Amino acid sequence: MSAIAAGSAGGGVVQRRAWPADLKAPSRDLVLELAVDDRVRAGRVVDGRLEVLDDDPDLPALAALAAEPGAVVVGHRAGRRAVVRRADGTFAKVARRSATRRALARLAAVDALLAAAPPAAPARPEVVTADPGGGVVVLAPAAGTPLDDLLARGSARECRRAGVLLGRALAALALAAPGAGSEGEGWPVHSPEDEAVTTRRWTAAAVAADVLDPGEAERLVARQDRALAALAALPAAAPVPTHRDLHEGQVLVRDDGVLLLDWDTAALADPAGDVANLAAHLDLLAASSPARRRAAAAAAAGLRAGLRQGGHPLALHPAGAARVDVLREVTAVRLVAVHAFRRRPWAPG
């Protein structure tokens, strides 16, 4: 690996994304995704020093894939995962071997469920090849218009139509029934208590890393406590199949439905989870500009219509909207912490 000395990390080095080094052990150490002379590289901040990594021993397959003619690394989180776009248009996802085995088990369970789901159910990218021992899964290119592109440049009518298709897809997913004995690696259960643990970890990580503005940490902790109290007060709801990482960057809109990317965290979870997660991300977009606010509002209106048309459990329950609002606020708290790492470029020193 190479280290960039304090004060010299300008010019050709640009921070793209940042995460806590260890979400379960909050500290000031960070993991970074960098653009170094327009090439994606992984980095980290340890004891106040920025290091740009020349290799990643936890992802041994990455070096050979990145060295292929025409290959481009499009994402790299050191020690966790990387994505390489290959010359033939396929995408190689590289992760630790244990994570790759879990992901493949998850995908097999998702495939089994989607095969028996209604036609409106979401599609997922096709696996071309898989090498669990090497920690590599190669995915075929996925056709469709990215929802984030529609929200940036599409008309209100296009955004509403996308929302309708996505709402129908989420309804079909929620109403599908995993096979007997599917809990575990295939369809693990993500409980409200799990959601609370994850939220607290992100808040604690942002506080420990000192990436929040003055006074923001206290406000965020107070907001978190209110949101999690409301979550704990919700009546129990039977968990349903969910994507569990649904945002505008995960959705490709097609003529007859949608394709969802990155099913690695799919789980049996609260029926409001996917809807609330997307709604919180749309709230962020709406705050960025008047045009985005109109697009987000159209997509949200379409989503509600699609959920009703598809018979989603939330749409059939009188308290469904209130449940979404509670989970939406929990997600919003987490997003404040997540984006705090990314909005403030790390400054050497």
Protein backbone atom coordinates (compact mmCIF):
# COMPACT_ATOMS: atom_id res chain seq x y z
CA MET A 1 0.00 0.00 0.00
CA SER A 2 1.08 3.62 -0.33
CA ALA A 3 0.50 6.46 2.09
CA ILE A 4 -0.36 10.02 1.18
CA ALA A 5 1.26 12.50 3.53
CA ALA A 6 -0.74 15.17 5.31
CA GLY A 7 -1.49 18.10 3.07
CA SER A 8 -0.76 16.30 -0.20
CA ALA A 9 -4.09 14.55 -0.74
CA GLY A 10 -5.46 17.18 -3.06
CA GLY A 11 -5.15 17.35 -6.82
CA GLY A 12 -5.56 13.87 -8.18
CA VAL A 13 -7.16 12.35 -5.07
CA VAL A 14 -10.91 12.83 -4.56
CA GLN A 15 -13.00 11.18 -1.87
CA ARG A 16 -16.06 9.46 -3.33
CA ARG A 17 -17.53 7.65 -0.32
CA ALA A 18 -16.60 6.91 3.28
CA TRP A 19 -17.63 4.46 5.99
CA PRO A 20 -16.65 3.72 9.58
CA ALA A 21 -13.80 1.24 9.70
CA ASP A 22 -15.79 -1.02 12.03
CA LEU A 23 -19.46 -0.33 12.63
CA LYS A 24 -19.44 -2.52 15.74
CA ALA A 25 -16.43 -0.76 17.31
CA PRO A 26 -16.83 3.00 16.68
CA SER A 27 -13.62 5.01 16.34
CA ARG A 28 -12.16 7.82 14.24
CA ASP A 29 -10.75 5.34 11.71
CA LEU A 30 -12.42 5.32 8.31
CA VAL A 31 -12.59 3.28 5.12
CA LEU A 32 -12.71 5.35 1.95
CA GLU A 33 -13.51 4.94 -1.72
CA LEU A 34 -11.30 7.33 -3.65
CA ALA A 35 -10.83 8.51 -7.20
CA VAL A 36 -7.07 8.73 -7.74
CA ASP A 37 -6.34 10.35 -11.10
CA ASP A 38 -9.89 9.32 -12.13
CA ARG A 39 -9.34 5.68 -11.16
CA VAL A 40 -11.31 4.10 -8.31
CA ARG A 41 -9.07 3.09 -5.43
CA ALA A 42 -9.72 2.00 -1.87
CA GLY A 43 -8.25 3.87 1.05
CA ARG A 44 -8.39 4.12 4.78
CA VAL A 45 -7.66 6.55 7.56
CA VAL A 46 -5.83 4.98 10.50
CA ASP A 47 -4.51 7.06 13.39
CA GLY A 48 -5.07 10.22 11.39
CA ARG A 49 -3.10 9.09 8.33
CA LEU A 50 -4.59 8.53 4.89
CA GLU A 51 -3.45 5.43 3.04
CA VAL A 52 -4.27 4.57 -0.57
CA LEU A 53 -4.27 0.80 -0.94
CA ASP A 54 -2.35 -0.86 -3.77
CA ASP A 55 -3.89 -4.24 -2.99
CA ASP A 56 -6.59 -5.79 -0.86
CA PRO A 57 -5.51 -9.05 0.80
CA ASP A 58 -9.07 -9.72 1.96
CA LEU A 59 -10.22 -9.75 -1.69
CA PRO A 60 -7.48 -11.77 -3.42
CA ALA A 61 -9.44 -12.22 -6.67
CA LEU A 62 -9.70 -8.47 -7.26
CA ALA A 63 -6.21 -7.86 -8.63
CA ALA A 64 -6.55 -10.32 -11.52
CA LEU A 65 -10.02 -9.08 -12.44
CA ALA A 66 -8.92 -5.44 -12.38
CA ALA A 67 -5.92 -6.28 -14.58
CA GLU A 68 -8.08 -7.76 -17.37
CA PRO A 69 -7.94 -5.75 -20.62
CA GLY A 70 -10.76 -3.24 -20.66
CA ALA A 71 -11.76 -3.87 -17.03
CA VAL A 72 -12.76 -0.92 -14.84
CA VAL A 73 -13.14 -0.97 -11.07
CA VAL A 74 -16.39 0.90 -10.39
CA GLY A 75 -16.51 0.45 -6.62
CA HIS A 76 -14.20 -0.75 -3.86
CA ARG A 77 -14.70 -0.84 -0.10
CA ALA A 78 -11.50 -2.23 1.36
CA GLY A 79 -11.83 -5.63 2.96
CA ARG A 80 -15.52 -5.90 2.15
CA ARG A 81 -16.42 -5.77 -1.52
CA ALA A 82 -15.54 -4.47 -4.97
CA VAL A 83 -17.27 -4.33 -8.35
CA VAL A 84 -15.43 -4.60 -11.66
CA ARG A 85 -17.04 -3.82 -15.01
CA ARG A 86 -15.45 -6.20 -17.49
CA ALA A 87 -14.82 -5.61 -21.19
CA ASP A 88 -17.76 -7.85 -22.16
CA GLY A 89 -20.16 -5.70 -20.12
CA THR A 90 -20.60 -8.17 -17.26
CA PHE A 91 -20.02 -7.11 -13.68
CA ALA A 92 -17.81 -9.11 -11.32
CA LYS A 93 -18.72 -8.68 -7.66
CA VAL A 94 -15.84 -9.56 -5.36
CA ALA A 95 -16.31 -10.18 -1.64
CA ARG A 96 -14.93 -12.36 1.11
CA ARG A 97 -15.55 -16.03 0.50
CA SER A 98 -17.95 -16.34 3.45
CA ALA A 99 -19.94 -13.32 2.26
CA THR A 100 -20.06 -14.71 -1.29
CA ARG A 101 -21.43 -18.03 -0.06
CA ARG A 102 -24.12 -16.22 1.94
CA ALA A 103 -24.98 -14.05 -1.06
CA LEU A 104 -25.35 -17.06 -3.33
CA ALA A 105 -27.60 -18.80 -0.80
CA ARG A 106 -29.66 -15.62 -0.62
CA LEU A 107 -29.93 -15.42 -4.41
CA ALA A 108 -31.04 -19.06 -4.63
CA ALA A 109 -33.78 -18.36 -2.10
CA VAL A 110 -34.81 -15.20 -3.95
CA ASP A 111 -34.97 -17.12 -7.23
CA ALA A 112 -37.15 -19.81 -5.70
CA LEU A 113 -39.53 -17.20 -4.33
CA LEU A 114 -39.68 -15.08 -7.50
CA ALA A 115 -40.30 -18.15 -9.65
CA ALA A 116 -43.61 -18.71 -7.85
CA ALA A 117 -44.50 -15.01 -7.45
CA PRO A 118 -47.03 -13.10 -9.60
CA PRO A 119 -45.83 -11.62 -12.92
CA ALA A 120 -45.55 -8.15 -11.36
CA ALA A 121 -42.76 -9.33 -9.02
CA PRO A 122 -39.37 -7.69 -9.47
CA ALA A 123 -36.65 -9.32 -11.52
CA ARG A 124 -33.01 -9.57 -10.51
CA PRO A 125 -29.74 -9.65 -12.49
CA GLU A 126 -28.75 -12.99 -14.00
CA VAL A 127 -25.75 -14.78 -12.52
CA VAL A 128 -23.37 -15.73 -15.33
CA THR A 129 -20.80 -17.59 -13.23
CA ALA A 130 -20.06 -17.99 -9.54
CA ASP A 131 -16.86 -18.96 -7.77
CA PRO A 132 -17.59 -19.14 -4.02
CA GLY A 133 -14.05 -20.33 -3.30
CA GLY A 134 -12.63 -17.26 -5.01
CA GLY A 135 -15.25 -14.87 -3.65
CA VAL A 136 -16.52 -13.86 -7.11
CA VAL A 137 -19.99 -13.66 -8.65
CA VAL A 138 -20.30 -12.48 -12.25
CA LEU A 139 -23.58 -10.83 -13.22
CA ALA A 140 -24.97 -10.20 -16.68
CA PRO A 141 -25.70 -6.61 -17.73
CA ALA A 142 -29.20 -5.64 -16.62
CA ALA A 143 -31.50 -3.81 -19.03
CA GLY A 144 -33.72 -0.97 -17.91
CA THR A 145 -33.78 2.74 -17.14
CA PRO A 146 -32.30 3.60 -13.72
CA LEU A 147 -34.89 5.17 -11.45
CA ASP A 148 -32.35 7.75 -10.32
CA ASP A 149 -31.99 8.85 -13.97
CA LEU A 150 -35.75 9.25 -14.28
CA LEU A 151 -35.86 11.27 -11.07
CA ALA A 152 -33.10 13.51 -12.42
CA ARG A 153 -34.28 13.99 -15.99
CA GLY A 154 -37.64 12.30 -16.51
CA SER A 155 -41.08 13.85 -16.64
CA ALA A 156 -43.52 13.69 -13.76
CA ARG A 157 -45.58 11.22 -15.80
CA GLU A 158 -42.56 8.93 -16.26
CA CYS A 159 -41.70 9.14 -12.56
CA ARG A 160 -45.26 8.32 -11.54
CA ARG A 161 -45.37 5.34 -13.90
CA ALA A 162 -42.08 4.08 -12.44
CA GLY A 163 -43.55 4.41 -8.96
CA VAL A 164 -46.64 2.41 -9.96
CA LEU A 165 -44.54 -0.43 -11.40
CA LEU A 166 -42.35 -0.48 -8.32
CA GLY A 167 -45.36 -0.47 -5.98
CA ARG A 168 -46.87 -3.44 -7.80
CA ALA A 169 -43.53 -5.25 -7.64
CA LEU A 170 -43.16 -4.67 -3.91
CA ALA A 171 -46.71 -5.90 -3.35
CA ALA A 172 -46.01 -9.09 -5.31
CA LEU A 173 -42.78 -9.60 -3.35
CA ALA A 174 -44.46 -9.05 0.02
CA LEU A 175 -47.30 -11.42 -0.82
CA ALA A 176 -44.99 -14.20 -2.03
CA ALA A 177 -44.42 -17.04 0.43
CA PRO A 178 -40.92 -18.43 1.02
CA GLY A 179 -40.78 -22.21 1.15
CA ALA A 180 -40.85 -24.14 4.39
CA GLY A 181 -37.59 -24.02 6.29
CA SER A 182 -36.41 -20.99 4.32
CA GLU A 183 -35.26 -18.99 7.33
CA GLY A 184 -31.53 -18.86 7.84
CA GLU A 185 -29.03 -18.02 5.10
CA GLY A 186 -31.72 -17.90 2.41
CA TRP A 187 -34.36 -15.73 4.09
CA PRO A 188 -33.08 -14.58 7.48
CA VAL A 189 -35.42 -12.62 9.72
CA HIS A 190 -34.63 -8.93 10.27
CA SER A 191 -36.65 -7.92 13.32
CA PRO A 192 -37.54 -4.45 14.64
CA GLU A 193 -34.91 -5.08 17.33
CA ASP A 194 -32.33 -5.71 14.60
CA GLU A 195 -33.34 -2.46 12.94
CA ALA A 196 -32.87 -0.61 16.22
CA VAL A 197 -29.41 -2.14 16.74
CA THR A 198 -28.31 -1.11 13.25
CA THR A 199 -29.59 2.43 13.72
CA ARG A 200 -27.84 2.85 17.07
CA ARG A 201 -24.58 1.55 15.60
CA TRP A 202 -24.63 4.09 12.79
CA THR A 203 -25.40 6.96 15.15
CA ALA A 204 -22.65 5.87 17.54
CA ALA A 205 -20.19 5.53 14.64
CA ALA A 206 -20.91 9.05 13.37
CA VAL A 207 -20.51 10.49 16.86
CA ALA A 208 -17.24 8.64 17.48
CA ALA A 209 -15.78 9.62 14.10
CA ASP A 210 -16.61 13.28 14.75
CA VAL A 211 -18.20 13.74 11.31
CA LEU A 212 -21.28 15.57 12.60
CA ASP A 213 -21.60 19.34 12.82
CA PRO A 214 -21.38 21.06 16.24
CA GLY A 215 -24.55 20.31 18.18
CA GLU A 216 -25.73 17.85 15.53
CA ALA A 217 -24.65 14.80 17.52
CA GLU A 218 -26.90 15.65 20.46
CA ARG A 219 -29.83 16.39 18.16
CA LEU A 220 -29.31 13.18 16.22
CA VAL A 221 -29.15 11.02 19.35
CA ALA A 222 -32.35 12.62 20.66
CA ARG A 223 -34.06 12.12 17.30
CA GLN A 224 -32.88 8.52 17.24
CA ASP A 225 -34.28 7.82 20.70
CA ARG A 226 -37.69 9.24 19.72
CA ALA A 227 -37.74 7.25 16.47
CA LEU A 228 -36.77 3.99 18.13
CA ALA A 229 -39.33 4.49 20.90
CA ALA A 230 -42.00 4.84 18.22
CA LEU A 231 -40.65 1.73 16.50
CA ALA A 232 -40.83 -0.27 19.74
CA ALA A 233 -44.43 0.87 20.26
CA LEU A 234 -45.64 -0.46 16.91
CA PRO A 235 -47.90 -3.50 17.08
CA ALA A 236 -46.27 -6.70 15.88
CA ALA A 237 -46.52 -7.42 12.17
CA ALA A 238 -45.81 -10.66 10.37
CA PRO A 239 -42.53 -10.29 8.45
CA VAL A 240 -42.66 -10.52 4.66
CA PRO A 241 -40.01 -10.98 1.97
CA THR A 242 -38.19 -7.68 1.44
CA HIS A 243 -35.23 -6.37 -0.52
CA ARG A 244 -34.09 -4.43 2.57
CA ASP A 245 -31.80 -1.95 0.79
CA LEU A 246 -34.30 -0.27 -1.50
CA HIS A 247 -33.40 3.16 -2.86
CA GLU A 248 -33.50 4.87 -6.24
CA GLY A 249 -30.08 3.51 -7.21
CA GLN A 250 -31.30 -0.08 -6.92
CA VAL A 251 -34.20 0.14 -9.37
CA LEU A 252 -34.20 -0.36 -13.15
CA VAL A 253 -37.52 0.46 -14.80
CA ARG A 254 -38.64 -1.67 -17.74
CA ASP A 255 -41.62 -1.66 -20.07
CA ASP A 256 -43.47 -4.26 -18.00
CA GLY A 257 -42.00 -4.00 -14.51
CA VAL A 258 -38.84 -3.37 -12.55
CA LEU A 259 -35.52 -5.07 -11.87
CA LEU A 260 -33.91 -4.64 -8.45
CA LEU A 261 -30.15 -4.78 -7.98
CA ASP A 262 -28.14 -6.01 -4.98
CA TRP A 263 -30.30 -8.56 -3.18
CA ASP A 264 -27.50 -9.39 -0.74
CA THR A 265 -29.46 -8.16 2.30
CA ALA A 266 -32.87 -9.60 1.33
CA ALA A 267 -34.71 -10.83 4.40
CA LEU A 268 -38.07 -11.45 6.03
CA ALA A 269 -38.73 -8.07 7.59
CA ASP A 270 -41.37 -5.51 8.48
CA PRO A 271 -43.86 -5.02 5.63
CA ALA A 272 -43.24 -1.27 5.85
CA GLY A 273 -39.46 -1.60 5.56
CA ASP A 274 -38.87 -1.36 1.80
CA VAL A 275 -41.49 1.35 1.31
CA ALA A 276 -40.13 3.41 4.20
CA ASN A 277 -36.52 3.03 3.06
CA LEU A 278 -37.36 4.29 -0.42
CA ALA A 279 -39.53 7.08 0.97
CA ALA A 280 -36.67 8.35 3.15
CA HIS A 281 -34.34 8.42 0.15
CA LEU A 282 -36.96 10.27 -1.90
CA ASP A 283 -37.18 12.81 0.93
CA LEU A 284 -33.46 13.49 0.52
CA LEU A 285 -33.90 14.00 -3.22
CA ALA A 286 -36.88 16.27 -2.69
CA ALA A 287 -34.79 18.52 -0.46
CA SER A 288 -32.10 18.99 -3.11
CA SER A 289 -34.04 21.07 -5.68
CA PRO A 290 -37.57 22.04 -6.76
CA ALA A 291 -37.30 19.82 -9.85
CA ARG A 292 -36.26 16.84 -7.79
CA ARG A 293 -39.08 17.59 -5.34
CA ARG A 294 -41.66 17.35 -8.14
CA ALA A 295 -40.11 14.15 -9.50
CA ALA A 296 -39.93 12.56 -6.06
CA ALA A 297 -43.54 13.51 -5.32
CA ALA A 298 -44.70 11.96 -8.60
CA ALA A 299 -42.79 8.76 -7.90
CA ALA A 300 -44.16 8.58 -4.35
CA ALA A 301 -47.73 9.07 -5.59
CA GLY A 302 -47.22 6.32 -8.15
CA LEU A 303 -45.72 4.04 -5.51
CA ARG A 304 -48.80 4.42 -3.29
CA ALA A 305 -51.06 3.67 -6.24
CA GLY A 306 -49.03 0.60 -7.20
CA LEU A 307 -49.11 -0.73 -3.64
CA ARG A 308 -52.90 -0.43 -3.63
CA GLN A 309 -53.25 -2.04 -7.03
CA GLY A 310 -51.02 -4.92 -6.00
CA GLY A 311 -52.77 -5.48 -2.68
CA HIS A 312 -49.71 -4.84 -0.51
CA PRO A 313 -50.39 -5.59 3.20
CA LEU A 314 -49.74 -1.94 4.04
CA ALA A 315 -52.33 -0.72 1.56
CA LEU A 316 -54.94 -3.06 3.03
CA HIS A 317 -54.38 -2.01 6.65
CA PRO A 318 -55.80 1.28 7.99
CA ALA A 319 -52.64 1.90 10.02
CA GLY A 320 -50.31 1.11 7.11
CA ALA A 321 -49.39 4.72 6.34
CA ALA A 322 -48.59 5.44 9.99
CA ARG A 323 -46.36 2.36 10.12
CA VAL A 324 -44.47 3.57 7.07
CA ASP A 325 -43.99 6.98 8.71
CA VAL A 326 -42.39 5.38 11.79
CA LEU A 327 -39.96 3.27 9.74
CA ARG A 328 -39.30 6.23 7.46
CA GLU A 329 -38.12 8.31 10.42
CA VAL A 330 -35.91 5.47 11.66
CA THR A 331 -34.37 5.27 8.18
CA ALA A 332 -33.94 9.04 8.06
CA VAL A 333 -31.94 8.95 11.29
CA ARG A 334 -29.66 6.28 9.87
CA LEU A 335 -29.21 8.23 6.62
CA VAL A 336 -28.09 11.33 8.51
CA ALA A 337 -25.30 9.26 10.04
CA VAL A 338 -24.42 7.47 6.79
CA HIS A 339 -24.24 10.68 4.77
CA ALA A 340 -22.28 12.50 7.47
CA PHE A 341 -19.32 10.30 6.57
CA ARG A 342 -19.68 11.15 2.89
CA ARG A 343 -20.51 14.84 2.93
CA ARG A 344 -17.32 15.91 4.68
CA PRO A 345 -14.17 15.02 2.73
CA TRP A 346 -11.46 13.73 4.96
CA ALA A 347 -8.68 16.27 5.39
CA PRO A 348 -5.20 14.93 6.17
CA GLY A 349 -3.58 16.25 9.26
